[in-house]
Structure formats: C-alpha cells, structure tokens
C-alpha cells in the first residue's frame, strides 16, 4: 500500500507525535527528579543540569537525553554520573508514566550551544564583516541612481 501525496516518509529525521510526546514526558520527569535532588552522586549534588531535549527511538525502547551542566563545566563527569544513575532514573520515570515499556536512557552532552557560539564567532570575524559590508555596498549601488528600475 502506497503513501498518499502529502505524507512524508518515516525516517530518522522526522519523529512521530507519539515520540515527541513521550520525549517531553520523560524530560519533565527527569527535570522533576533532578530538581528534587533524588540523586546522591557527589558529582551531581553541586551541579545544575539543563535537559535540553529527549529523543525517543521509533520503537520507544531507547531515549537519548541531551544535557548541559550550568556553565558547561565538568560535562564529561556529569554525563558519566547520569549514566550511572540511569537505571534509578528509569525507575522514577516508570512511576510517573503509564507505558508498557519505559525507554532505556542514554545521556549525551548537548553540543548545540558550542556550535551556536562558533557560528556567532564566525559571523563577528573581520572577514565576514567585510564581505557583508561589500554586499551592502553592492545592494546600495544597484538600487541607487541609474542602477535600479528608475526612469
């Protein structure tokens, strides 16, 4: 049976509504448990962790949890400590969800902040600023007298 015209194929790039909803429920449950201080790992006691996204696999058996410690410090240690606490966190999530299976949690450092700062740095570099200034000058020359649609 073929797909209808407007329907996109299911690939790794597009997630279903169910995957998105389960990911948000897991994210909220993790934020609640980290906020309450349920974990006793010495690495996690003094660190504030931001959970930016939870991506759930299509079969809902695995979940990648993207995290970033406040200030981006000790990221490897925090990821490792959360990995050790994953079975306990999975148990806490199972108490707040009504699913047959609770996804296995894998914690991953979120690199989106680093990538955005690299792009920002590149955009502020003198070479790019010069190119942008040249582009603005070219646009101005084309729309000026004798260069546009004028009489």
Protein backbone atom coordinates (compact mmCIF):
# COMPACT_ATOMS: atom_id res chain seq x y z
CA UNK A 1 0.00 0.00 0.00
CA UNK A 2 1.49 3.33 -1.08
CA UNK A 3 1.59 6.60 0.75
CA UNK A 4 -0.65 9.48 -0.04
CA UNK A 5 0.83 12.53 -1.77
CA UNK A 6 1.13 14.82 1.23
CA UNK A 7 2.51 12.22 3.62
CA UNK A 8 6.22 12.34 4.39
CA UNK A 9 8.21 9.12 4.74
CA UNK A 10 9.11 7.97 8.23
CA UNK A 11 12.82 8.40 8.55
CA UNK A 12 15.23 9.13 11.34
CA UNK A 13 14.77 12.85 10.79
CA UNK A 14 11.03 13.10 11.36
CA UNK A 15 9.65 11.94 14.66
CA UNK A 16 6.05 10.98 15.24
CA UNK A 17 3.74 12.82 17.58
CA UNK A 18 3.96 9.91 19.99
CA UNK A 19 7.77 10.04 20.06
CA UNK A 20 7.68 13.78 20.70
CA UNK A 21 5.06 13.43 23.44
CA UNK A 22 6.91 10.58 25.20
CA UNK A 23 10.16 12.55 24.97
CA UNK A 24 8.55 15.57 26.64
CA UNK A 25 7.03 13.44 29.41
CA UNK A 26 10.44 11.88 30.08
CA UNK A 27 12.11 15.29 30.04
CA UNK A 28 9.64 16.68 32.57
CA UNK A 29 10.01 13.63 34.82
CA UNK A 30 13.82 13.93 34.72
CA UNK A 31 13.71 17.65 35.46
CA UNK A 32 11.43 16.99 38.44
CA UNK A 33 13.65 14.27 39.87
CA UNK A 34 16.85 16.29 39.38
CA UNK A 35 15.18 19.34 40.89
CA UNK A 36 14.11 17.40 43.98
CA UNK A 37 17.64 16.13 44.47
CA UNK A 38 16.78 12.43 44.26
CA UNK A 39 20.32 11.57 43.15
CA UNK A 40 23.11 11.26 45.69
CA UNK A 41 26.08 11.10 43.35
CA UNK A 42 28.72 13.61 44.59
CA UNK A 43 29.28 14.89 41.04
CA UNK A 44 25.59 15.75 40.63
CA UNK A 45 24.98 17.34 44.03
CA UNK A 46 26.72 20.65 43.32
CA UNK A 47 25.79 20.91 39.62
CA UNK A 48 22.70 22.34 37.99
CA UNK A 49 21.86 20.34 34.85
CA UNK A 50 19.75 21.53 31.92
CA UNK A 51 17.94 18.86 29.94
CA UNK A 52 17.55 20.39 26.50
CA UNK A 53 15.88 17.53 24.62
CA UNK A 54 14.90 13.89 24.82
CA UNK A 55 14.86 11.97 21.53
CA UNK A 56 12.97 8.70 21.65
CA UNK A 57 13.57 5.90 19.14
CA UNK A 58 10.70 4.87 16.83
CA UNK A 59 10.07 1.70 18.83
CA UNK A 60 10.01 3.73 22.10
CA UNK A 61 12.63 1.42 23.66
CA UNK A 62 15.55 3.88 23.79
CA UNK A 63 15.85 7.55 24.63
CA UNK A 64 18.80 9.87 24.15
CA UNK A 65 18.77 12.62 26.79
CA UNK A 66 20.70 15.74 25.77
CA UNK A 67 22.09 17.58 28.78
CA UNK A 68 24.23 20.60 29.54
CA UNK A 69 25.55 21.48 33.00
CA UNK A 70 25.23 25.10 34.02
CA UNK A 71 28.24 26.92 32.64
CA UNK A 72 29.27 23.88 30.59
CA UNK A 73 31.76 22.80 33.25
CA UNK A 74 32.56 19.16 34.08
CA UNK A 75 30.38 17.95 31.23
CA UNK A 76 32.11 14.58 30.85
CA UNK A 77 31.86 13.85 34.57
CA UNK A 78 28.18 14.85 34.66
CA UNK A 79 27.33 12.67 31.64
CA UNK A 80 29.15 9.76 33.24
CA UNK A 81 27.40 10.26 36.60
CA UNK A 82 23.97 10.44 34.95
CA UNK A 83 24.84 7.29 33.02
CA UNK A 84 25.50 5.53 36.33
CA UNK A 85 22.16 6.82 37.67
CA UNK A 86 20.20 5.88 34.51
CA UNK A 87 18.59 2.70 35.94
CA UNK A 88 17.40 4.60 39.03
CA UNK A 89 16.08 7.48 36.90
CA UNK A 90 14.32 5.00 34.63
CA UNK A 91 12.60 3.54 37.68
CA UNK A 92 11.47 7.02 38.78
CA UNK A 93 10.13 7.72 35.29
CA UNK A 94 8.23 4.43 35.27
CA UNK A 95 6.30 5.59 38.32
CA UNK A 96 5.06 8.71 36.52
CA UNK A 97 4.28 7.11 33.13
CA UNK A 98 1.64 4.64 32.06
CA UNK A 99 3.55 2.84 29.32
CA UNK A 100 4.18 -0.84 28.91
CA UNK A 101 7.92 -0.23 28.49
CA UNK A 102 9.96 2.70 29.75
CA UNK A 103 12.78 3.61 27.35
CA UNK A 104 16.39 2.92 28.32
CA UNK A 105 18.13 6.23 28.97
CA UNK A 106 21.38 7.29 27.36
CA UNK A 107 22.81 10.65 28.40
CA UNK A 108 24.60 12.75 25.78
CA UNK A 109 26.33 16.12 26.03
CA UNK A 110 24.42 18.74 24.05
CA UNK A 111 26.80 20.46 21.65
CA UNK A 112 24.26 22.88 20.18
CA UNK A 113 25.48 25.66 22.49
CA UNK A 114 29.07 25.19 21.31
CA UNK A 115 28.00 25.18 17.66
CA UNK A 116 25.97 28.36 18.08
CA UNK A 117 28.88 30.15 19.75
CA UNK A 118 31.21 29.06 16.90
CA UNK A 119 28.76 30.42 14.32
CA UNK A 120 28.41 33.66 16.27
CA UNK A 121 32.19 34.00 16.46
CA UNK A 122 32.49 33.39 12.70
CA UNK A 123 29.81 35.96 11.92
CA UNK A 124 31.66 38.55 14.01
CA UNK A 125 35.04 37.87 12.36
CA UNK A 126 36.55 40.72 10.28
CA UNK A 127 36.49 38.68 7.05
CA UNK A 128 32.75 38.07 7.25
CA UNK A 129 32.05 41.64 8.35
CA UNK A 130 34.00 42.86 5.30
CA UNK A 131 32.01 40.56 2.99
CA UNK A 132 28.76 41.78 4.50
CA UNK A 133 29.83 45.40 4.07
CA UNK A 134 30.73 44.73 0.41
CA UNK A 135 27.36 43.04 -0.14
CA UNK A 136 25.53 46.00 1.39
CA UNK A 137 27.52 48.39 -0.82
CA UNK A 138 26.64 46.34 -3.93
CA UNK A 139 22.95 46.35 -2.99
CA UNK A 140 23.08 50.11 -2.43
CA UNK A 141 24.81 50.73 -5.80
CA UNK A 142 22.23 48.66 -7.70
CA UNK A 143 19.26 50.50 -6.19
CA UNK A 144 20.85 53.93 -6.47
CA UNK A 145 20.57 56.42 -9.36
CA UNK A 146 20.95 54.74 -12.74
CA UNK A 147 21.19 51.27 -11.20
CA UNK A 148 17.60 50.30 -10.49
CA UNK A 149 14.23 50.35 -12.21
CA UNK A 150 14.11 54.12 -12.11
CA UNK A 151 13.42 56.44 -15.09
